[in-house]
Amino acid sequence: GDQLNDPASLSNAPDPVRYSTEIHFRSTGEASVALNVYDVLGRKVRELVNRPLPGGEHRVIWDCRDDDGKTVSSGVYFIKLQSGAHSSTEKVLVVK
């Protein structure tokens, strides 16, 4: 959809990612927000956000590490934003 009007807009840069990527997202109003990274098999690799956030623009850095603190291997990952009833997914290519 239109990025400006999308209630759960999501983007990241740089892509491909070597060391870390900055994830930008917008939530509408006070909403429970979950921002997670998944591998191509749909396994959750990293939980970045899991709490209520005020509406507006937010920024989170993913350092290409999993929940155990290990650096992920090269490949395609998916960043999924769930903000209230809205969700959005962004593909990320990690190159080591």
PDB file of N, CA and C in Angstrom:
ATOM      1  N   GLY A   1       0.822  -1.210   0.000  1.00  0.00           N
ATOM      2  CA  GLY A   1       0.000   0.000   0.000  1.00  0.00           C
ATOM      3  C   GLY A   1       0.853   1.257   0.000  1.00  0.00           C
ATOM      4  N   ASP A   2       0.202   2.374   0.027  1.00  0.00           N
ATOM      5  CA  ASP A   2       0.873   3.675   0.055  1.00  0.00           C
ATOM      6  C   ASP A   2       1.625   3.826   1.375  1.00  0.00           C
ATOM      7  N   GLN A   3       2.929   3.988   1.299  1.00  0.00           N
ATOM      8  CA  GLN A   3       3.750   4.064   2.510  1.00  0.00           C
ATOM      9  C   GLN A   3       3.269   5.141   3.481  1.00  0.00           C
ATOM     10  N   LEU A   4       2.830   6.282   2.961  1.00  0.00           N
ATOM     11  CA  LEU A   4       2.445   7.381   3.834  1.00  0.00           C
ATOM     12  C   LEU A   4       1.157   7.097   4.586  1.00  0.00           C
ATOM     13  N   ASN A   5       0.256   6.350   3.954  1.00  0.00           N
ATOM     14  CA  ASN A   5      -1.027   6.083   4.581  1.00  0.00           C
ATOM     15  C   ASN A   5      -1.084   4.710   5.248  1.00  0.00           C
ATOM     16  N   ASP A   6      -0.064   3.909   5.039  1.00  0.00           N
ATOM     17  CA  ASP A   6      -0.046   2.576   5.626  1.00  0.00           C
ATOM     18  C   ASP A   6       0.127   2.708   7.143  1.00  0.00           C
ATOM     19  N   PRO A   7      -0.838   2.206   7.930  1.00  0.00           N
ATOM     20  CA  PRO A   7      -0.736   2.361   9.379  1.00  0.00           C
ATOM     21  C   PRO A   7       0.412   1.570   9.997  1.00  0.00           C
ATOM     22  N   ALA A   8       0.933   0.599   9.269  1.00  0.00           N
ATOM     23  CA  ALA A   8       2.058  -0.170   9.802  1.00  0.00           C
ATOM     24  C   ALA A   8       3.193  -0.157   8.787  1.00  0.00           C
ATOM     25  N   SER A   9       3.614   1.036   8.387  1.00  0.00           N
ATOM     26  CA  SER A   9       4.674   1.108   7.385  1.00  0.00           C
ATOM     27  C   SER A   9       5.996   0.657   8.001  1.00  0.00           C
ATOM     28  N   LEU A  10       6.823   0.031   7.173  1.00  0.00           N
ATOM     29  CA  LEU A  10       8.049  -0.592   7.651  1.00  0.00           C
ATOM     30  C   LEU A  10       9.104  -0.474   6.566  1.00  0.00           C
ATOM     31  N   SER A  11      10.304  -0.054   6.940  1.00  0.00           N
ATOM     32  CA  SER A  11      11.408  -0.027   5.985  1.00  0.00           C
ATOM     33  C   SER A  11      12.708  -0.232   6.740  1.00  0.00           C
ATOM     34  N   ASN A  12      13.740  -0.608   6.016  1.00  0.00           N
ATOM     35  CA  ASN A  12      15.043  -0.764   6.660  1.00  0.00           C
ATOM     36  C   ASN A  12      16.150  -0.374   5.696  1.00  0.00           C
ATOM     37  N   ALA A  13      17.256   0.062   6.239  1.00  0.00           N
ATOM     38  CA  ALA A  13      18.434   0.422   5.444  1.00  0.00           C
ATOM     39  C   ALA A  13      19.664   0.247   6.321  1.00  0.00           C
ATOM     40  N   PRO A  14      20.807  -0.145   5.801  1.00  0.00           N
ATOM     41  CA  PRO A  14      20.997  -0.536   4.395  1.00  0.00           C
ATOM     42  C   PRO A  14      20.462  -1.936   4.123  1.00  0.00           C
ATOM     43  N   ASP A  15      20.318  -2.270   2.860  1.00  0.00           N
ATOM     44  CA  ASP A  15      19.951  -3.605   2.431  1.00  0.00           C
ATOM     45  C   ASP A  15      20.638  -3.833   1.083  1.00  0.00           C
ATOM     46  N   PRO A  16      21.532  -4.800   0.887  1.00  0.00           N
ATOM     47  CA  PRO A  16      21.860  -5.839   1.864  1.00  0.00           C
ATOM     48  C   PRO A  16      22.598  -5.306   3.099  1.00  0.00           C
ATOM     49  N   VAL A  17      22.502  -6.105   4.159  1.00  0.00           N
ATOM     50  CA  VAL A  17      23.051  -5.743   5.463  1.00  0.00           C
ATOM     51  C   VAL A  17      24.351  -6.500   5.701  1.00  0.00           C
ATOM     52  N   ARG A  18      25.364  -5.789   6.186  1.00  0.00           N
ATOM     53  CA  ARG A  18      26.605  -6.458   6.529  1.00  0.00           C
ATOM     54  C   ARG A  18      26.751  -6.593   8.050  1.00  0.00           C
ATOM     55  N   TYR A  19      26.538  -5.501   8.765  1.00  0.00           N
ATOM     56  CA  TYR A  19      26.737  -5.511  10.218  1.00  0.00           C
ATOM     57  C   TYR A  19      25.470  -5.193  11.004  1.00  0.00           C
ATOM     58  N   SER A  20      24.752  -4.169  10.566  1.00  0.00           N
ATOM     59  CA  SER A  20      23.506  -3.835  11.243  1.00  0.00           C
ATOM     60  C   SER A  20      22.621  -3.064  10.284  1.00  0.00           C
ATOM     61  N   THR A  21      21.331  -3.072  10.572  1.00  0.00           N
ATOM     62  CA  THR A  21      20.388  -2.339   9.750  1.00  0.00           C
ATOM     63  C   THR A  21      19.468  -1.538  10.647  1.00  0.00           C
ATOM     64  N   GLU A  22      19.110  -0.360  10.213  1.00  0.00           N
ATOM     65  CA  GLU A  22      18.210   0.487  10.985  1.00  0.00           C
ATOM     66  C   GLU A  22      16.804   0.301  10.435  1.00  0.00           C
ATOM     67  N   ILE A  23      15.913  -0.106  11.310  1.00  0.00           N
ATOM     68  CA  ILE A  23      14.532  -0.377  10.920  1.00  0.00           C
ATOM     69  C   ILE A  23      13.668   0.805  11.339  1.00  0.00           C
ATOM     70  N   HIS A  24      12.939   1.361  10.386  1.00  0.00           N
ATOM     71  CA  HIS A  24      12.021   2.464  10.651  1.00  0.00           C
ATOM     72  C   HIS A  24      10.604   1.933  10.542  1.00  0.00           C
ATOM     73  N   PHE A  25       9.776   2.268  11.506  1.00  0.00           N
ATOM     74  CA  PHE A  25       8.379   1.871  11.384  1.00  0.00           C
ATOM     75  C   PHE A  25       7.475   2.894  12.041  1.00  0.00           C
ATOM     76  N   ARG A  26       6.214   2.832  11.665  1.00  0.00           N
ATOM     77  CA  ARG A  26       5.217   3.765  12.182  1.00  0.00           C
ATOM     78  C   ARG A  26       4.093   2.967  12.818  1.00  0.00           C
ATOM     79  N   SER A  27       3.668   3.398  13.992  1.00  0.00           N
ATOM     80  CA  SER A  27       2.486   2.783  14.591  1.00  0.00           C
ATOM     81  C   SER A  27       1.431   3.872  14.764  1.00  0.00           C
ATOM     82  N   THR A  28       0.178   3.463  14.654  1.00  0.00           N
ATOM     83  CA  THR A  28      -0.911   4.435  14.768  1.00  0.00           C
ATOM     84  C   THR A  28      -1.492   4.376  16.164  1.00  0.00           C
ATOM     85  N   GLY A  29      -1.420   5.475  16.868  1.00  0.00           N
ATOM     86  CA  GLY A  29      -1.982   5.519  18.213  1.00  0.00           C
ATOM     87  C   GLY A  29      -1.261   4.576  19.138  1.00  0.00           C
ATOM     88  N   GLU A  30      -1.671   4.522  20.385  1.00  0.00           N
ATOM     89  CA  GLU A  30      -1.089   3.609  21.368  1.00  0.00           C
ATOM     90  C   GLU A  30      -1.451   2.201  20.939  1.00  0.00           C
ATOM     91  N   ALA A  31      -0.450   1.404  20.619  1.00  0.00           N
ATOM     92  CA  ALA A  31      -0.729   0.046  20.162  1.00  0.00           C
ATOM     93  C   ALA A  31       0.320  -0.902  20.713  1.00  0.00           C
ATOM     94  N   SER A  32      -0.090  -2.152  20.853  1.00  0.00           N
ATOM     95  CA  SER A  32       0.857  -3.187  21.237  1.00  0.00           C
ATOM     96  C   SER A  32       1.659  -3.529  19.990  1.00  0.00           C
ATOM     97  N   VAL A  33       2.973  -3.373  20.074  1.00  0.00           N
ATOM     98  CA  VAL A  33       3.832  -3.560  18.904  1.00  0.00           C
ATOM     99  C   VAL A  33       4.763  -4.751  19.102  1.00  0.00           C
ATOM    100  N   ALA A  34       4.818  -5.608  18.082  1.00  0.00           N
ATOM    101  CA  ALA A  34       5.777  -6.714  18.068  1.00  0.00           C
ATOM    102  C   ALA A  34       6.602  -6.566  16.792  1.00  0.00           C
ATOM    103  N   LEU A  35       7.908  -6.529  16.963  1.00  0.00           N
ATOM    104  CA  LEU A  35       8.816  -6.441  15.821  1.00  0.00           C
ATOM    105  C   LEU A  35       9.805  -7.592  15.957  1.00  0.00           C
ATOM    106  N   ASN A  36       9.718  -8.543  15.021  1.00  0.00           N
ATOM    107  CA  ASN A  36      10.543  -9.742  15.102  1.00  0.00           C
ATOM    108  C   ASN A  36      11.246 -10.015  13.785  1.00  0.00           C
ATOM    109  N   VAL A  37      12.362 -10.736  13.880  1.00  0.00           N
ATOM    110  CA  VAL A  37      13.098 -11.157  12.694  1.00  0.00           C
ATOM    111  C   VAL A  37      12.936 -12.667  12.561  1.00  0.00           C
ATOM    112  N   TYR A  38      12.609 -13.116  11.343  1.00  0.00           N
ATOM    113  CA  TYR A  38      12.420 -14.537  11.063  1.00  0.00           C
ATOM    114  C   TYR A  38      13.364 -14.982   9.960  1.00  0.00           C
ATOM    115  N   ASP A  39      13.720 -16.283   9.974  1.00  0.00           N
ATOM    116  CA  ASP A  39      14.507 -16.813   8.861  1.00  0.00           C
ATOM    117  C   ASP A  39      13.556 -17.293   7.769  1.00  0.00           C
ATOM    118  N   VAL A  40      14.105 -17.830   6.677  1.00  0.00           N
ATOM    119  CA  VAL A  40      13.267 -18.239   5.539  1.00  0.00           C
ATOM    120  C   VAL A  40      12.339 -19.402   5.876  1.00  0.00           C
ATOM    121  N   LEU A  41      12.652 -20.135   6.945  1.00  0.00           N
ATOM    122  CA  LEU A  41      11.796 -21.251   7.348  1.00  0.00           C
ATOM    123  C   LEU A  41      10.709 -20.797   8.324  1.00  0.00           C
ATOM    124  N   GLY A  42      10.688 -19.501   8.623  1.00  0.00           N
ATOM    125  CA  GLY A  42       9.659 -18.974   9.506  1.00  0.00           C
ATOM    126  C   GLY A  42       9.978 -19.085  10.984  1.00  0.00           C
ATOM    127  N   ARG A  43      11.219 -19.438  11.304  1.00  0.00           N
ATOM    128  CA  ARG A  43      11.622 -19.515  12.717  1.00  0.00           C
ATOM    129  C   ARG A  43      11.983 -18.129  13.211  1.00  0.00           C
ATOM    130  N   LYS A  44      11.529 -17.805  14.429  1.00  0.00           N
ATOM    131  CA  LYS A  44      11.870 -16.494  14.989  1.00  0.00           C
ATOM    132  C   LYS A  44      13.344 -16.478  15.374  1.00  0.00           C
ATOM    133  N   VAL A  45      14.060 -15.508  14.832  1.00  0.00           N
ATOM    134  CA  VAL A  45      15.500 -15.383  15.060  1.00  0.00           C
ATOM    135  C   VAL A  45      15.765 -14.383  16.187  1.00  0.00           C
ATOM    136  N   ARG A  46      15.002 -13.296  16.185  1.00  0.00           N
ATOM    137  CA  ARG A  46      15.269 -12.232  17.148  1.00  0.00           C
ATOM    138  C   ARG A  46      14.002 -11.446  17.440  1.00  0.00           C
ATOM    139  N   GLU A  47      13.757 -11.212  18.720  1.00  0.00           N
ATOM    140  CA  GLU A  47      12.654 -10.346  19.129  1.00  0.00           C
ATOM    141  C   GLU A  47      13.245  -8.967  19.385  1.00  0.00           C
ATOM    142  N   LEU A  48      12.803  -7.987  18.606  1.00  0.00           N
ATOM    143  CA  LEU A  48      13.343  -6.631  18.736  1.00  0.00           C
ATOM    144  C   LEU A  48      12.462  -5.740  19.603  1.00  0.00           C
ATOM    145  N   VAL A  49      11.159  -5.864  19.439  1.00  0.00           N
ATOM    146  CA  VAL A  49      10.213  -5.063  20.222  1.00  0.00           C
ATOM    147  C   VAL A  49       9.031  -5.948  20.586  1.00  0.00           C
ATOM    148  N   ASN A  50       8.582  -5.851  21.824  1.00  0.00           N
ATOM    149  CA  ASN A  50       7.363  -6.543  22.225  1.00  0.00           C
ATOM    150  C   ASN A  50       6.763  -5.781  23.396  1.00  0.00           C
ATOM    151  N   ARG A  51       6.141  -4.634  23.091  1.00  0.00           N
ATOM    152  CA  ARG A  51       5.568  -3.794  24.143  1.00  0.00           C
ATOM    153  C   ARG A  51       4.664  -2.733  23.512  1.00  0.00           C
ATOM    154  N   PRO A  52       3.817  -2.125  24.320  1.00  0.00           N
ATOM    155  CA  PRO A  52       2.997  -1.034  23.788  1.00  0.00           C
ATOM    156  C   PRO A  52       3.880   0.168  23.451  1.00  0.00           C
ATOM    157  N   LEU A  53       3.604   0.812  22.325  1.00  0.00           N
ATOM    158  CA  LEU A  53       4.339   2.013  21.937  1.00  0.00           C
ATOM    159  C   LEU A  53       3.336   3.109  21.568  1.00  0.00           C
ATOM    160  N   PRO A  54       3.710   4.367  21.804  1.00  0.00           N
ATOM    161  CA  PRO A  54       2.845   5.458  21.366  1.00  0.00           C
ATOM    162  C   PRO A  54       2.845   5.542  19.843  1.00  0.00           C
ATOM    163  N   GLY A  55       1.828   6.167  19.284  1.00  0.00           N
ATOM    164  CA  GLY A  55       1.768   6.326  17.839  1.00  0.00           C
ATOM    165  C   GLY A  55       2.913   7.183  17.345  1.00  0.00           C
ATOM    166  N   GLY A  56       3.271   6.989  16.091  1.00  0.00           N
ATOM    167  CA  GLY A  56       4.322   7.801  15.492  1.00  0.00           C
ATOM    168  C   GLY A  56       5.439   6.981  14.910  1.00  0.00           C
ATOM    169  N   GLU A  57       6.532   7.673  14.594  1.00  0.00           N
ATOM    170  CA  GLU A  57       7.692   7.045  13.963  1.00  0.00           C
ATOM    171  C   GLU A  57       8.588   6.422  15.033  1.00  0.00           C
ATOM    172  N   HIS A  58       9.108   5.243  14.744  1.00  0.00           N
ATOM    173  CA  HIS A  58      10.027   4.573  15.664  1.00  0.00           C
ATOM    174  C   HIS A  58      11.207   4.021  14.871  1.00  0.00           C
ATOM    175  N   ARG A  59      12.315   3.841  15.577  1.00  0.00           N
ATOM    176  CA  ARG A  59      13.548   3.352  14.957  1.00  0.00           C
ATOM    177  C   ARG A  59      14.170   2.298  15.845  1.00  0.00           C
ATOM    178  N   VAL A  60      14.565   1.204  15.250  1.00  0.00           N
ATOM    179  CA  VAL A  60      15.216   0.129  15.998  1.00  0.00           C
ATOM    180  C   VAL A  60      16.394  -0.361  15.166  1.00  0.00           C
ATOM    181  N   ILE A  61      17.504  -0.662  15.829  1.00  0.00           N
ATOM    182  CA  ILE A  61      18.663  -1.226  15.130  1.00  0.00           C
ATOM    183  C   ILE A  61      18.671  -2.739  15.327  1.00  0.00           C
ATOM    184  N   TRP A  62      18.817  -3.476  14.232  1.00  0.00           N
ATOM    185  CA  TRP A  62      19.071  -4.917  14.343  1.00  0.00           C
ATOM    186  C   TRP A  62      20.533  -5.139  14.004  1.00  0.00           C
ATOM    187  N   ASP A  63      21.267  -5.711  14.951  1.00  0.00           N
ATOM    188  CA  ASP A  63      22.716  -5.905  14.801  1.00  0.00           C
ATOM    189  C   ASP A  63      23.075  -7.244  14.162  1.00  0.00           C
ATOM    190  N   CYS A  64      22.106  -7.861  13.476  1.00  0.00           N
ATOM    191  CA  CYS A  64      22.328  -9.147  12.803  1.00  0.00           C
ATOM    192  C   CYS A  64      22.686 -10.266  13.778  1.00  0.00           C
ATOM    193  N   ARG A  65      22.176 -10.135  15.002  1.00  0.00           N
ATOM    194  CA  ARG A  65      22.365 -11.205  15.989  1.00  0.00           C
ATOM    195  C   ARG A  65      21.019 -11.832  16.311  1.00  0.00           C
ATOM    196  N   ASP A  66      21.077 -13.094  16.758  1.00  0.00           N
ATOM    197  CA  ASP A  66      19.846 -13.773  17.156  1.00  0.00           C
ATOM    198  C   ASP A  66      19.593 -13.534  18.644  1.00  0.00           C
ATOM    199  N   ASP A  67      18.560 -14.174  19.187  1.00  0.00           N
ATOM    200  CA  ASP A  67      18.211 -13.970  20.589  1.00  0.00           C
ATOM    201  C   ASP A  67      19.298 -14.473  21.542  1.00  0.00           C
ATOM    202  N   ASP A  68      20.186 -15.339  21.058  1.00  0.00           N
ATOM    203  CA  ASP A  68      21.281 -15.843  21.891  1.00  0.00           C
ATOM    204  C   ASP A  68      22.532 -14.979  21.779  1.00  0.00           C
ATOM    205  N   GLY A  69      22.446 -13.910  20.954  1.00  0.00           N
ATOM    206  CA  GLY A  69      23.597 -13.026  20.800  1.00  0.00           C
ATOM    207  C   GLY A  69      24.586 -13.472  19.742  1.00  0.00           C
ATOM    208  N   LYS A  70      24.255 -14.546  19.028  1.00  0.00           N
ATOM    209  CA  LYS A  70      25.146 -15.029  17.973  1.00  0.00           C
ATOM    210  C   LYS A  70      24.840 -14.302  16.666  1.00  0.00           C
ATOM    211  N   THR A  71      25.890 -14.029  15.894  1.00  0.00           N
ATOM    212  CA  THR A  71      25.703 -13.384  14.599  1.00  0.00           C
ATOM    213  C   THR A  71      25.028 -14.366  13.643  1.00  0.00           C
ATOM    214  N   VAL A  72      24.018 -13.907  12.945  1.00  0.00           N
ATOM    215  CA  VAL A  72      23.301 -14.793  12.012  1.00  0.00           C
ATOM    216  C   VAL A  72      24.158 -15.034  10.772  1.00  0.00           C
ATOM    217  N   SER A  73      23.866 -16.123  10.071  1.00  0.00           N
ATOM    218  CA  SER A  73      24.612 -16.410   8.850  1.00  0.00           C
ATOM    219  C   SER A  73      24.018 -15.637   7.679  1.00  0.00           C
ATOM    220  N   SER A  74      24.762 -15.594   6.584  1.00  0.00           N
ATOM    221  CA  SER A  74      24.294 -14.896   5.385  1.00  0.00           C
ATOM    222  C   SER A  74      22.999 -15.524   4.898  1.00  0.00           C
ATOM    223  N   GLY A  75      22.165 -14.701   4.295  1.00  0.00           N
ATOM    224  CA  GLY A  75      20.921 -15.217   3.748  1.00  0.00           C
ATOM    225  C   GLY A  75      19.795 -14.212   3.845  1.00  0.00           C
ATOM    226  N   VAL A  76      18.599 -14.675   3.520  1.00  0.00           N
ATOM    227  CA  VAL A  76      17.418 -13.827   3.527  1.00  0.00           C
ATOM    228  C   VAL A  76      16.692 -13.962   4.861  1.00  0.00           C
ATOM    229  N   TYR A  77      16.296 -12.834   5.418  1.00  0.00           N
ATOM    230  CA  TYR A  77      15.527 -12.800   6.656  1.00  0.00           C
ATOM    231  C   TYR A  77      14.316 -11.896   6.437  1.00  0.00           C
ATOM    232  N   PHE A  78      13.338 -12.043   7.303  1.00  0.00           N
ATOM    233  CA  PHE A  78      12.134 -11.228   7.206  1.00  0.00           C
ATOM    234  C   PHE A  78      11.901 -10.498   8.516  1.00  0.00           C
ATOM    235  N   ILE A  79      11.698  -9.202   8.416  1.00  0.00           N
ATOM    236  CA  ILE A  79      11.362  -8.402   9.590  1.00  0.00           C
ATOM    237  C   ILE A  79       9.850  -8.240   9.556  1.00  0.00           C
ATOM    238  N   LYS A  80       9.186  -8.661  10.618  1.00  0.00           N
ATOM    239  CA  LYS A  80       7.727  -8.569  10.650  1.00  0.00           C
ATOM    240  C   LYS A  80       7.297  -7.609  11.752  1.00  0.00           C
ATOM    241  N   LEU A  81       6.480  -6.657  11.370  1.00  0.00           N
ATOM    242  CA  LEU A  81       5.910  -5.687  12.295  1.00  0.00           C
ATOM    243  C   LEU A  81       4.443  -6.013  12.506  1.00  0.00           C
ATOM    244  N   GLN A  82       4.064  -6.155  13.765  1.00  0.00           N
ATOM    245  CA  GLN A  82       2.649  -6.315  14.107  1.00  0.00           C
ATOM    246  C   GLN A  82       2.317  -5.145  15.021  1.00  0.00           C
ATOM    247  N   SER A  83       1.440  -4.260  14.548  1.00  0.00           N
ATOM    248  CA  SER A  83       1.058  -3.075  15.318  1.00  0.00           C
ATOM    249  C   SER A  83      -0.456  -3.053  15.426  1.00  0.00           C
ATOM    250  N   GLY A  84      -0.961  -3.434  16.607  1.00  0.00           N
ATOM    251  CA  GLY A  84      -2.399  -3.555  16.763  1.00  0.00           C
ATOM    252  C   GLY A  84      -2.927  -4.599  15.795  1.00  0.00           C
ATOM    253  N   ALA A  85      -3.885  -4.216  14.945  1.00  0.00           N
ATOM    254  CA  ALA A  85      -4.470  -5.155  13.988  1.00  0.00           C
ATOM    255  C   ALA A  85      -3.712  -5.173  12.664  1.00  0.00           C
ATOM    256  N   HIS A  86      -2.708  -4.323  12.523  1.00  0.00           N
ATOM    257  CA  HIS A  86      -1.996  -4.197  11.257  1.00  0.00           C
ATOM    258  C   HIS A  86      -0.665  -4.939  11.301  1.00  0.00           C
ATOM    259  N   SER A  87      -0.276  -5.493  10.141  1.00  0.00           N
ATOM    260  CA  SER A  87       1.043  -6.120  10.083  1.00  0.00           C
ATOM    261  C   SER A  87       1.698  -5.803   8.750  1.00  0.00           C
ATOM    262  N   SER A  88       3.017  -5.860   8.767  1.00  0.00           N
ATOM    263  CA  SER A  88       3.794  -5.557   7.576  1.00  0.00           C
ATOM    264  C   SER A  88       5.087  -6.365   7.648  1.00  0.00           C
ATOM    265  N   THR A  89       5.564  -6.818   6.500  1.00  0.00           N
ATOM    266  CA  THR A  89       6.790  -7.619   6.470  1.00  0.00           C
ATOM    267  C   THR A  89       7.760  -7.054   5.447  1.00  0.00           C
ATOM    268  N   GLU A  90       9.025  -7.033   5.815  1.00  0.00           N
ATOM    269  CA  GLU A  90      10.075  -6.511   4.952  1.00  0.00           C
ATOM    270  C   GLU A  90      11.169  -7.575   4.824  1.00  0.00           C
ATOM    271  N   LYS A  91      11.614  -7.817   3.598  1.00  0.00           N
ATOM    272  CA  LYS A  91      12.688  -8.801   3.366  1.00  0.00           C
ATOM    273  C   LYS A  91      14.045  -8.123   3.534  1.00  0.00           C
ATOM    274  N   VAL A  92      14.991  -8.825   4.138  1.00  0.00           N
ATOM    275  CA  VAL A  92      16.332  -8.300   4.363  1.00  0.00           C
ATOM    276  C   VAL A  92      17.349  -9.344   3.920  1.00  0.00           C
ATOM    277  N   LEU A  93      18.355  -8.921   3.205  1.00  0.00           N
ATOM    278  CA  LEU A  93      19.422  -9.812   2.798  1.00  0.00           C
ATOM    279  C   LEU A  93      20.656  -9.516   3.641  1.00  0.00           C
ATOM    280  N   VAL A  94      21.127 -10.530   4.379  1.00  0.00           N
ATOM    281  CA  VAL A  94      22.328 -10.382   5.200  1.00  0.00           C
ATOM    282  C   VAL A  94      23.499 -10.995   4.428  1.00  0.00           C
ATOM    283  N   VAL A  95      24.564 -10.216   4.259  1.00  0.00           N
ATOM    284  CA  VAL A  95      25.752 -10.661   3.540  1.00  0.00           C
ATOM    285  C   VAL A  95      26.941 -10.546   4.475  1.00  0.00           C
ATOM    286  N   LYS A  96      27.574 -11.669   4.796  1.00  0.00           N
ATOM    287  CA  LYS A  96      28.716 -11.650   5.727  1.00  0.00           C
ATOM    288  C   LYS A  96      30.023 -11.745   4.953  1.00  0.00           C
TER     289      LYS A  96
END
